[in-house]
C-alpha atoms as a PDB file:
ATOM      1  CA  MET A   1     -50.319  62.777  42.983  1.00  0.00           C
ATOM      2  CA  ALA A   2     -50.436  62.335  39.213  1.00  0.00           C
ATOM      3  CA  GLN A   3     -48.162  64.651  37.265  1.00  0.00           C
ATOM      4  CA  TYR A   4     -49.606  66.895  34.569  1.00  0.00           C
ATOM      5  CA  ASP A   5     -47.196  65.542  31.971  1.00  0.00           C
ATOM      6  CA  GLN A   6     -48.187  61.935  32.499  1.00  0.00           C
ATOM      7  CA  GLN A   7     -50.371  60.445  29.802  1.00  0.00           C
ATOM      8  CA  TYR A   8     -53.723  59.217  31.088  1.00  0.00           C
ATOM      9  CA  THR A   9     -54.650  55.625  30.263  1.00  0.00           C
ATOM     10  CA  PRO A  10     -58.259  54.478  30.715  1.00  0.00           C
ATOM     11  CA  SER A  11     -58.583  51.686  33.257  1.00  0.00           C
ATOM     12  CA  ALA A  12     -60.925  49.695  31.042  1.00  0.00           C
ATOM     13  CA  SER A  13     -59.314  49.113  27.645  1.00  0.00           C
ATOM     14  CA  PRO A  14     -61.731  48.288  24.828  1.00  0.00           C
ATOM     15  CA  PRO A  15     -61.427  44.833  23.270  1.00  0.00           C
ATOM     16  CA  ALA A  16     -58.955  44.447  20.431  1.00  0.00           C
ATOM     17  CA  LEU A  17     -60.336  44.654  16.898  1.00  0.00           C
ATOM     18  CA  ARG A  18     -58.484  44.072  13.647  1.00  0.00           C
ATOM     19  CA  PRO A  19     -57.131  47.320  12.130  1.00  0.00           C
ATOM     20  CA  SER A  20     -58.813  46.513   8.812  1.00  0.00           C
ATOM     21  CA  ARG A  21     -62.181  46.121  10.545  1.00  0.00           C
ATOM     22  CA  LEU A  22     -61.680  49.341  12.496  1.00  0.00           C
ATOM     23  CA  ALA A  23     -60.826  51.181   9.267  1.00  0.00           C
ATOM     24  CA  ALA A  24     -63.861  49.809   7.423  1.00  0.00           C
ATOM     25  CA  VAL A  25     -66.248  50.654  10.260  1.00  0.00           C
ATOM     26  CA  LEU A  26     -64.776  54.140  10.714  1.00  0.00           C
ATOM     27  CA  LEU A  27     -65.139  54.863   6.995  1.00  0.00           C
ATOM     28  CA  LEU A  28     -68.717  53.564   7.042  1.00  0.00           C
ATOM     29  CA  ASP A  29     -69.618  55.706  10.037  1.00  0.00           C
ATOM     30  CA  LEU A  30     -68.096  58.833   8.480  1.00  0.00           C
ATOM     31  CA  LEU A  31     -70.077  58.194   5.295  1.00  0.00           C
ATOM     32  CA  ILE A  32     -73.233  57.825   7.410  1.00  0.00           C
ATOM     33  CA  VAL A  33     -72.448  61.137   9.129  1.00  0.00           C
ATOM     34  CA  VAL A  34     -71.860  62.925   5.806  1.00  0.00           C
ATOM     35  CA  ALA A  35     -75.043  61.511   4.238  1.00  0.00           C
ATOM     36  CA  ALA A  36     -77.114  62.388   7.303  1.00  0.00           C
ATOM     37  CA  LEU A  37     -75.649  65.896   7.419  1.00  0.00           C
ATOM     38  CA  LEU A  38     -76.389  66.573   3.771  1.00  0.00           C
ATOM     39  CA  ALA A  39     -79.896  65.196   4.013  1.00  0.00           C
ATOM     40  CA  THR A  40     -80.818  67.084   7.168  1.00  0.00           C
ATOM     41  CA  ALA A  41     -79.073  70.355   6.283  1.00  0.00           C
ATOM     42  CA  LEU A  42     -80.454  70.565   2.761  1.00  0.00           C
ATOM     43  CA  GLY A  43     -83.870  69.316   3.830  1.00  0.00           C
ATOM     44  CA  LEU A  44     -84.224  71.645   6.809  1.00  0.00           C
ATOM     45  CA  VAL A  45     -82.928  74.696   4.945  1.00  0.00           C
ATOM     46  CA  ALA A  46     -85.258  73.979   2.025  1.00  0.00           C
ATOM     47  CA  LEU A  47     -88.253  73.659   4.351  1.00  0.00           C
ATOM     48  CA  ILE A  48     -87.370  76.824   6.263  1.00  0.00           C
ATOM     49  CA  VAL A  49     -86.854  78.852   3.074  1.00  0.00           C
ATOM     50  CA  ALA A  50     -90.038  77.475   1.481  1.00  0.00           C
ATOM     51  CA  PHE A  51     -92.066  78.371   4.568  1.00  0.00           C
ATOM     52  CA  ARG A  52     -90.728  81.926   4.670  1.00  0.00           C
ATOM     53  CA  VAL A  53     -91.137  82.409   0.931  1.00  0.00           C
ATOM     54  CA  MET A  54     -94.807  81.421   1.271  1.00  0.00           C
ATOM     55  CA  GLN A  55     -95.172  83.550   4.396  1.00  0.00           C
ATOM     56  CA  GLN A  56     -93.823  86.627   2.625  1.00  0.00           C
ATOM     57  CA  GLY A  57     -95.591  85.881  -0.669  1.00  0.00           C
ATOM     58  CA  LEU A  58     -92.396  85.966  -2.728  1.00  0.00           C
ATOM     59  CA  SER A  59     -92.380  84.737  -6.317  1.00  0.00           C
ATOM     60  CA  PRO A  60     -89.592  82.455  -7.664  1.00  0.00           C
ATOM     61  CA  GLY A  61     -88.221  85.397  -9.612  1.00  0.00           C
ATOM     62  CA  GLU A  62     -88.087  87.575  -6.511  1.00  0.00           C
ATOM     63  CA  VAL A  63     -86.321  84.833  -4.576  1.00  0.00           C
ATOM     64  CA  ALA A  64     -83.758  84.428  -7.352  1.00  0.00           C
ATOM     65  CA  GLY A  65     -83.088  88.164  -7.303  1.00  0.00           C
ATOM     66  CA  LEU A  66     -82.427  88.355  -3.575  1.00  0.00           C
ATOM     67  CA  SER A  67     -79.012  89.488  -2.410  1.00  0.00           C
ATOM     68  CA  ARG A  68     -76.797  87.171  -0.362  1.00  0.00           C
ATOM     69  CA  ALA A  69     -77.760  89.025   2.814  1.00  0.00           C
ATOM     70  CA  ASP A  70     -81.476  88.695   2.064  1.00  0.00           C
ATOM     71  CA  GLN A  71     -81.061  84.984   1.318  1.00  0.00           C
ATOM     72  CA  LEU A  72     -79.414  84.545   4.719  1.00  0.00           C
ATOM     73  CA  ARG A  73     -82.306  86.443   6.316  1.00  0.00           C
ATOM     74  CA  LEU A  74     -84.719  83.958   4.749  1.00  0.00           C
ATOM     75  CA  ILE A  75     -82.929  81.125   6.540  1.00  0.00           C
ATOM     76  CA  GLY A  76     -82.562  83.171   9.720  1.00  0.00           C
ATOM     77  CA  VAL A  77     -80.491  82.532  12.812  1.00  0.00           C
ATOM     78  CA  ASP A  78     -83.247  80.349  14.240  1.00  0.00           C
ATOM     79  CA  GLY A  79     -83.036  78.201  11.106  1.00  0.00           C
ATOM     80  CA  ILE A  80     -79.244  77.955  11.360  1.00  0.00           C
ATOM     81  CA  LEU A  81     -79.519  77.089  15.054  1.00  0.00           C
ATOM     82  CA  LEU A  82     -81.968  74.298  14.254  1.00  0.00           C
ATOM     83  CA  VAL A  83     -79.593  72.928  11.611  1.00  0.00           C
ATOM     84  CA  LEU A  84     -76.663  73.070  14.059  1.00  0.00           C
ATOM     85  CA  ILE A  85     -78.656  71.239  16.728  1.00  0.00           C
ATOM     86  CA  VAL A  86     -79.621  68.443  14.338  1.00  0.00           C
ATOM     87  CA  GLN A  87     -76.116  68.178  12.884  1.00  0.00           C
ATOM     88  CA  ASN A  88     -74.514  67.878  16.285  1.00  0.00           C
ATOM     89  CA  ILE A  89     -77.064  65.300  17.423  1.00  0.00           C
ATOM     90  CA  ILE A  90     -75.753  63.259  14.479  1.00  0.00           C
ATOM     91  CA  PHE A  91     -72.137  63.991  15.481  1.00  0.00           C
ATOM     92  CA  ILE A  92     -72.834  62.660  18.968  1.00  0.00           C
ATOM     93  CA  GLY A  93     -75.331  59.957  18.060  1.00  0.00           C
ATOM     94  CA  VAL A  94     -73.211  57.971  15.590  1.00  0.00           C
ATOM     95  CA  PRO A  95     -70.226  57.527  17.988  1.00  0.00           C
ATOM     96  CA  LEU A  96     -72.533  56.685  20.896  1.00  0.00           C
ATOM     97  CA  VAL A  97     -74.441  54.068  18.926  1.00  0.00           C
ATOM     98  CA  ARG A  98     -71.243  52.523  17.581  1.00  0.00           C
ATOM     99  CA  THR A  99     -69.394  52.561  20.896  1.00  0.00           C
ATOM    100  CA  ARG A 100     -72.025  51.828  23.509  1.00  0.00           C
ATOM    101  CA  LEU A 101     -74.836  49.999  21.731  1.00  0.00           C
ATOM    102  CA  ILE A 102     -72.992  48.015  19.063  1.00  0.00           C
ATOM    103  CA  ARG A 103     -69.556  47.370  20.572  1.00  0.00           C
ATOM    104  CA  ARG A 104     -70.724  47.461  24.197  1.00  0.00           C
ATOM    105  CA  GLU A 105     -67.646  49.454  25.160  1.00  0.00           C
ATOM    106  CA  PRO A 106     -67.494  51.976  28.024  1.00  0.00           C
ATOM    107  CA  LEU A 107     -67.972  55.600  27.021  1.00  0.00           C
ATOM    108  CA  ALA A 108     -64.614  56.292  28.684  1.00  0.00           C
ATOM    109  CA  SER A 109     -63.043  54.651  25.622  1.00  0.00           C
ATOM    110  CA  ILE A 110     -63.970  57.763  23.594  1.00  0.00           C
ATOM    111  CA  GLY A 111     -63.128  60.248  26.331  1.00  0.00           C
ATOM    112  CA  LEU A 112     -66.583  60.670  27.847  1.00  0.00           C
ATOM    113  CA  GLN A 113     -65.339  60.741  31.419  1.00  0.00           C
ATOM    114  CA  ALA A 114     -64.203  63.417  33.853  1.00  0.00           C
ATOM    115  CA  PRO A 115     -61.659  62.203  36.415  1.00  0.00           C
ATOM    116  CA  ARG A 116     -60.553  65.209  38.511  1.00  0.00           C
ATOM    117  CA  PRO A 117     -62.931  67.665  36.779  1.00  0.00           C
ATOM    118  CA  LEU A 118     -61.362  70.798  38.265  1.00  0.00           C
ATOM    119  CA  ARG A 119     -57.973  69.856  36.866  1.00  0.00           C
ATOM    120  CA  LEU A 120     -59.516  69.071  33.474  1.00  0.00           C
ATOM    121  CA  THR A 121     -61.296  72.437  33.476  1.00  0.00           C
ATOM    122  CA  LEU A 122     -58.097  74.340  34.266  1.00  0.00           C
ATOM    123  CA  ILE A 123     -56.221  72.482  31.540  1.00  0.00           C
ATOM    124  CA  GLY A 124     -58.984  73.352  29.077  1.00  0.00           C
ATOM    125  CA  LEU A 125     -58.898  77.028  30.033  1.00  0.00           C
ATOM    126  CA  GLY A 126     -55.113  77.154  29.705  1.00  0.00           C
ATOM    127  CA  LEU A 127     -55.173  75.457  26.317  1.00  0.00           C
ATOM    128  CA  GLY A 128     -57.948  77.792  25.199  1.00  0.00           C
ATOM    129  CA  VAL A 129     -55.781  80.836  25.943  1.00  0.00           C
ATOM    130  CA  LEU A 130     -52.863  79.327  24.021  1.00  0.00           C
ATOM    131  CA  LEU A 131     -55.117  78.558  21.052  1.00  0.00           C
ATOM    132  CA  LEU A 132     -56.435  82.127  20.975  1.00  0.00           C
ATOM    133  CA  VAL A 133     -52.899  83.508  20.902  1.00  0.00           C
ATOM    134  CA  GLY A 134     -51.886  81.023  18.215  1.00  0.00           C
ATOM    135  CA  ASN A 135     -54.923  81.827  16.072  1.00  0.00           C
ATOM    136  CA  ALA A 136     -54.195  85.544  16.319  1.00  0.00           C
ATOM    137  CA  VAL A 137     -50.627  84.985  15.134  1.00  0.00           C
ATOM    138  CA  ILE A 138     -51.647  82.668  12.284  1.00  0.00           C
ATOM    139  CA  GLY A 139     -54.437  85.032  11.225  1.00  0.00           C
ATOM    140  CA  ALA A 140     -51.998  87.947  11.143  1.00  0.00           C
ATOM    141  CA  LEU A 141     -49.586  85.938   8.990  1.00  0.00           C
ATOM    142  CA  PHE A 142     -52.269  85.097   6.434  1.00  0.00           C
ATOM    143  CA  ALA A 143     -53.523  88.696   6.455  1.00  0.00           C
ATOM    144  CA  SER A 144     -49.993  89.983   5.806  1.00  0.00           C
ATOM    145  CA  ALA A 145     -49.851  87.643   2.802  1.00  0.00           C
ATOM    146  CA  GLY A 146     -53.151  89.061   1.506  1.00  0.00           C
ATOM    147  CA  ILE A 147     -55.089  85.831   2.143  1.00  0.00           C
ATOM    148  CA  ARG A 148     -58.509  86.199   3.760  1.00  0.00           C
ATOM    149  CA  GLN A 149     -61.020  83.408   4.236  1.00  0.00           C
ATOM    150  CA  ASN A 150     -64.680  84.436   4.138  1.00  0.00           C
ATOM    151  CA  GLN A 151     -66.278  81.932   6.528  1.00  0.00           C
ATOM    152  CA  ALA A 152     -67.920  84.773   8.468  1.00  0.00           C
ATOM    153  CA  ASP A 153     -69.714  85.928   5.314  1.00  0.00           C
ATOM    154  CA  GLN A 154     -71.775  82.730   5.403  1.00  0.00           C
ATOM    155  CA  TYR A 155     -73.257  83.562   8.819  1.00  0.00           C
ATOM    156  CA  PRO A 156     -76.719  85.220   9.142  1.00  0.00           C
ATOM    157  CA  LEU A 157     -75.398  87.924  11.472  1.00  0.00           C
ATOM    158  CA  PHE A 158     -76.626  91.501  11.079  1.00  0.00           C
ATOM    159  CA  ALA A 159     -75.934  94.764  12.907  1.00  0.00           C
ATOM    160  CA  GLY A 160     -78.289  95.352  15.820  1.00  0.00           C
ATOM    161  CA  ASP A 161     -79.816  91.852  15.759  1.00  0.00           C
ATOM    162  CA  TYR A 162     -78.629  91.027  19.279  1.00  0.00           C
ATOM    163  CA  LEU A 163     -81.035  88.132  19.822  1.00  0.00           C
ATOM    164  CA  GLY A 164     -79.946  86.531  16.574  1.00  0.00           C
ATOM    165  CA  GLN A 165     -76.302  87.005  17.497  1.00  0.00           C
ATOM    166  CA  ALA A 166     -76.883  85.436  20.919  1.00  0.00           C
ATOM    167  CA  LEU A 167     -78.656  82.428  19.381  1.00  0.00           C
ATOM    168  CA  PHE A 168     -75.869  81.952  16.856  1.00  0.00           C
ATOM    169  CA  MET A 169     -73.236  82.100  19.606  1.00  0.00           C
ATOM    170  CA  LEU A 170     -75.193  79.506  21.581  1.00  0.00           C
ATOM    171  CA  GLY A 171     -74.991  77.180  18.606  1.00  0.00           C
ATOM    172  CA  ALA A 172     -71.418  77.858  17.498  1.00  0.00           C
ATOM    173  CA  ALA A 173     -69.748  78.301  20.903  1.00  0.00           C
ATOM    174  CA  VAL A 174     -71.660  75.731  22.983  1.00  0.00           C
ATOM    175  CA  ILE A 175     -73.391  73.116  20.826  1.00  0.00           C
ATOM    176  CA  VAL A 176     -70.782  72.793  18.073  1.00  0.00           C
ATOM    177  CA  PRO A 177     -67.743  72.231  20.364  1.00  0.00           C
ATOM    178  CA  ILE A 178     -69.527  69.384  22.159  1.00  0.00           C
ATOM    179  CA  GLY A 179     -70.655  67.632  18.985  1.00  0.00           C
ATOM    180  CA  GLU A 180     -67.383  68.084  17.101  1.00  0.00           C
ATOM    181  CA  GLU A 181     -65.247  66.906  20.016  1.00  0.00           C
ATOM    182  CA  VAL A 182     -67.303  63.747  20.497  1.00  0.00           C
ATOM    183  CA  LEU A 183     -67.011  62.920  16.789  1.00  0.00           C
ATOM    184  CA  PHE A 184     -63.528  64.063  15.786  1.00  0.00           C
ATOM    185  CA  ARG A 185     -61.519  63.548  18.968  1.00  0.00           C
ATOM    186  CA  GLY A 186     -63.686  61.090  20.865  1.00  0.00           C
ATOM    187  CA  TYR A 187     -64.467  58.742  17.985  1.00  0.00           C
ATOM    188  CA  VAL A 188     -62.209  59.450  14.983  1.00  0.00           C
ATOM    189  CA  PHE A 189     -58.972  60.103  16.900  1.00  0.00           C
ATOM    190  CA  HIS A 190     -59.434  57.219  19.337  1.00  0.00           C
ATOM    191  CA  THR A 191     -60.319  54.807  16.530  1.00  0.00           C
ATOM    192  CA  LEU A 192     -57.241  55.825  14.524  1.00  0.00           C
ATOM    193  CA  ARG A 193     -55.079  55.428  17.627  1.00  0.00           C
ATOM    194  CA  ARG A 194     -56.349  51.869  18.032  1.00  0.00           C
ATOM    195  CA  MET A 195     -55.880  51.142  14.324  1.00  0.00           C
ATOM    196  CA  PHE A 196     -52.252  52.259  14.427  1.00  0.00           C
ATOM    197  CA  ALA A 197     -51.475  50.870  17.893  1.00  0.00           C
ATOM    198  CA  ASP A 198     -48.826  48.429  16.640  1.00  0.00           C
ATOM    199  CA  ALA A 199     -47.018  50.921  14.397  1.00  0.00           C
ATOM    200  CA  ARG A 200     -44.038  52.962  15.635  1.00  0.00           C
ATOM    201  CA  TRP A 201     -45.584  56.067  14.080  1.00  0.00           C
ATOM    202  CA  GLY A 202     -49.084  55.121  15.257  1.00  0.00           C
ATOM    203  CA  LEU A 203     -49.802  58.004  17.599  1.00  0.00           C
ATOM    204  CA  VAL A 204     -48.367  60.577  15.185  1.00  0.00           C
ATOM    205  CA  GLY A 205     -50.444  59.043  12.402  1.00  0.00           C
ATOM    206  CA  ALA A 206     -53.600  59.281  14.511  1.00  0.00           C
ATOM    207  CA  TYR A 207     -52.848  62.944  15.281  1.00  0.00           C
ATOM    208  CA  LEU A 208     -52.201  63.878  11.655  1.00  0.00           C
ATOM    209  CA  LEU A 209     -55.017  61.927  10.045  1.00  0.00           C
ATOM    210  CA  SER A 210     -57.681  62.974  12.567  1.00  0.00           C
ATOM    211  CA  SER A 211     -56.668  66.635  12.231  1.00  0.00           C
ATOM    212  CA  ALA A 212     -56.747  66.307   8.424  1.00  0.00           C
ATOM    213  CA  VAL A 213     -60.292  64.897   8.570  1.00  0.00           C
ATOM    214  CA  PHE A 214     -61.241  67.774  10.880  1.00  0.00           C
ATOM    215  CA  GLY A 215     -59.749  70.345   8.499  1.00  0.00           C
ATOM    216  CA  VAL A 216     -61.378  68.888   5.387  1.00  0.00           C
ATOM    217  CA  ALA A 217     -64.746  68.770   7.176  1.00  0.00           C
ATOM    218  CA  HIS A 218     -64.522  72.562   7.578  1.00  0.00           C
ATOM    219  CA  SER A 219     -63.292  73.283   4.047  1.00  0.00           C
ATOM    220  CA  LEU A 220     -66.794  73.974   2.696  1.00  0.00           C
ATOM    221  CA  ALA A 221     -67.392  76.689   5.301  1.00  0.00           C
ATOM    222  CA  ALA A 222     -65.601  79.257   3.112  1.00  0.00           C
ATOM    223  CA  THR A 223     -65.616  80.060  -0.595  1.00  0.00           C
ATOM    224  CA  GLU A 224     -62.480  82.225  -0.628  1.00  0.00           C
ATOM    225  CA  GLY A 225     -59.068  81.809   0.991  1.00  0.00           C
ATOM    226  CA  VAL A 226     -59.878  78.239   2.025  1.00  0.00           C
ATOM    227  CA  VAL A 227     -56.233  77.564   2.900  1.00  0.00           C
ATOM    228  CA  ALA A 228     -56.475  80.228   5.623  1.00  0.00           C
ATOM    229  CA  LEU A 229     -59.332  78.223   7.133  1.00  0.00           C
ATOM    230  CA  ILE A 230     -58.043  74.663   6.701  1.00  0.00           C
ATOM    231  CA  ILE A 231     -54.532  75.160   8.117  1.00  0.00           C
ATOM    232  CA  PRO A 232     -55.611  76.816  11.399  1.00  0.00           C
ATOM    233  CA  THR A 233     -58.399  74.232  11.732  1.00  0.00           C
ATOM    234  CA  MET A 234     -55.939  71.366  11.319  1.00  0.00           C
ATOM    235  CA  LEU A 235     -53.574  72.899  13.875  1.00  0.00           C
ATOM    236  CA  LEU A 236     -56.553  73.308  16.222  1.00  0.00           C
ATOM    237  CA  GLY A 237     -57.366  69.633  15.665  1.00  0.00           C
ATOM    238  CA  LEU A 238     -53.790  68.613  16.529  1.00  0.00           C
ATOM    239  CA  ALA A 239     -53.836  70.577  19.776  1.00  0.00           C
ATOM    240  CA  LEU A 240     -57.220  69.219  20.819  1.00  0.00           C
ATOM    241  CA  ALA A 241     -56.246  65.629  19.998  1.00  0.00           C
ATOM    242  CA  TRP A 242     -53.066  66.070  22.049  1.00  0.00           C
ATOM    243  CA  VAL A 243     -54.942  67.235  25.147  1.00  0.00           C
ATOM    244  CA  VAL A 244     -57.484  64.407  24.815  1.00  0.00           C
ATOM    245  CA  ASN A 245     -54.667  61.880  24.526  1.00  0.00           C
ATOM    246  CA  ARG A 246     -52.850  63.310  27.550  1.00  0.00           C
ATOM    247  CA  THR A 247     -55.867  63.502  29.842  1.00  0.00           C
ATOM    248  CA  GLY A 248     -58.115  60.710  28.568  1.00  0.00           C
ATOM    249  CA  SER A 249     -61.071  63.117  28.649  1.00  0.00           C
ATOM    250  CA  LEU A 250     -62.925  65.306  26.159  1.00  0.00           C
ATOM    251  CA  ILE A 251     -63.613  67.973  28.804  1.00  0.00           C
ATOM    252  CA  PRO A 252     -60.451  70.087  28.223  1.00  0.00           C
ATOM    253  CA  ALA A 253     -60.911  69.906  24.453  1.00  0.00           C
ATOM    254  CA  ILE A 254     -64.560  70.977  24.653  1.00  0.00           C
ATOM    255  CA  ILE A 255     -63.656  73.937  26.886  1.00  0.00           C
ATOM    256  CA  ALA A 256     -60.746  75.048  24.703  1.00  0.00           C
ATOM    257  CA  HIS A 257     -62.819  74.609  21.537  1.00  0.00           C
ATOM    258  CA  ALA A 258     -65.677  76.640  23.052  1.00  0.00           C
ATOM    259  CA  MET A 259     -63.273  79.428  24.018  1.00  0.00           C
ATOM    260  CA  ASN A 260     -61.807  79.459  20.518  1.00  0.00           C
ATOM    261  CA  ASN A 261     -65.217  79.735  18.847  1.00  0.00           C
ATOM    262  CA  GLY A 262     -66.721  82.054  21.451  1.00  0.00           C
ATOM    263  CA  VAL A 263     -63.975  84.684  21.427  1.00  0.00           C
ATOM    264  CA  ALA A 264     -63.824  84.662  17.614  1.00  0.00           C
ATOM    265  CA  LEU A 265     -67.574  85.219  17.431  1.00  0.00           C
ATOM    266  CA  LEU A 266     -67.482  87.974  20.058  1.00  0.00           C
ATOM    267  CA  ALA A 267     -64.887  89.775  17.966  1.00  0.00           C
ATOM    268  CA  LEU A 268     -66.984  89.249  14.837  1.00  0.00           C
ATOM    269  CA  VAL A 269     -70.257  90.580  16.291  1.00  0.00           C
ATOM    270  CA  THR A 270     -68.393  93.540  17.783  1.00  0.00           C
ATOM    271  CA  CYS A 271     -67.200  94.425  14.299  1.00  0.00           C
ATOM    272  CA  ILE A 272     -70.658  93.864  12.793  1.00  0.00           C
ATOM    273  CA  ASN A 273     -72.344  96.088  15.382  1.00  0.00           C
ATOM    274  CA  ASN A 274     -69.739  98.824  14.979  1.00  0.00           C
ATOM    275  CA  PRO A 275     -69.320  99.507  11.245  1.00  0.00           C
ATOM    276  CA  GLY A 276     -65.941 101.009  10.462  1.00  0.00           C
ATOM    277  CA  MET A 277     -64.210  99.397  13.444  1.00  0.00           C
ATOM    278  CA  CYS A 278     -62.915  96.513  11.315  1.00  0.00           C
ATOM    279  CA  PRO A 279     -62.149  97.769   7.795  1.00  0.00           C
ATOM    280  CA  GLY A 280     -61.090  94.344   6.537  1.00  0.00           C
ATOM    281  CA  LEU A 281     -64.365  92.687   7.454  1.00  0.00           C
END
């Protein structure tokens, strides 16, 4: 029986590619992802807002005078959910095209496999619990230092809008973990590991650089206290990359990531629906 502390190695190793070529292709693919995200996000949000402005008969001056909350209502949770779906199709699509269609490599090479699924599920649940405890501790430390990141303020979540809250949780706690794990751990981490395979520090470098990319990708999600968002996100990225490297599968990382996002959102909507329960919100 395989031991839990043994590192999993895929049976079919992908063909060797020069590190310089891997680096160039990875950079190109990340630029494609960023460009596609900007185009789709800005385009979809603009279309959604324009449609609702016309629907409600608002003038440009009235739109400009809307509060932040009213601007978020114009986009709506359904609009945000649509943007999340499209963004995560891009997150999944670029690695799949590069890996399966262009390189003709097995999807197992980016962790899309599930040997012993029950074991992988239990590992994911255990890691998820550890991440929740760690996030609580880190959040308390930043709060004690007077640093608060305002990522939650960017969400179109309003008291009593239970359908909207449910739709947002579907996007953030189910769709996002799948897309982000395929891109950041499945593709970015595995590519960096191959790039640095001949270096003594190679695995450590892959951990650090992939988690840094993950953290920077989330830096625009807050406008205040960004350090309190980036550091926990990078630590989350390190933990998720570690479990993917140990098991050879994205399943535990997706489960742990979903738990992390889901519990945080449950706490957030509880506070939103019960004004006064969370004075710092």
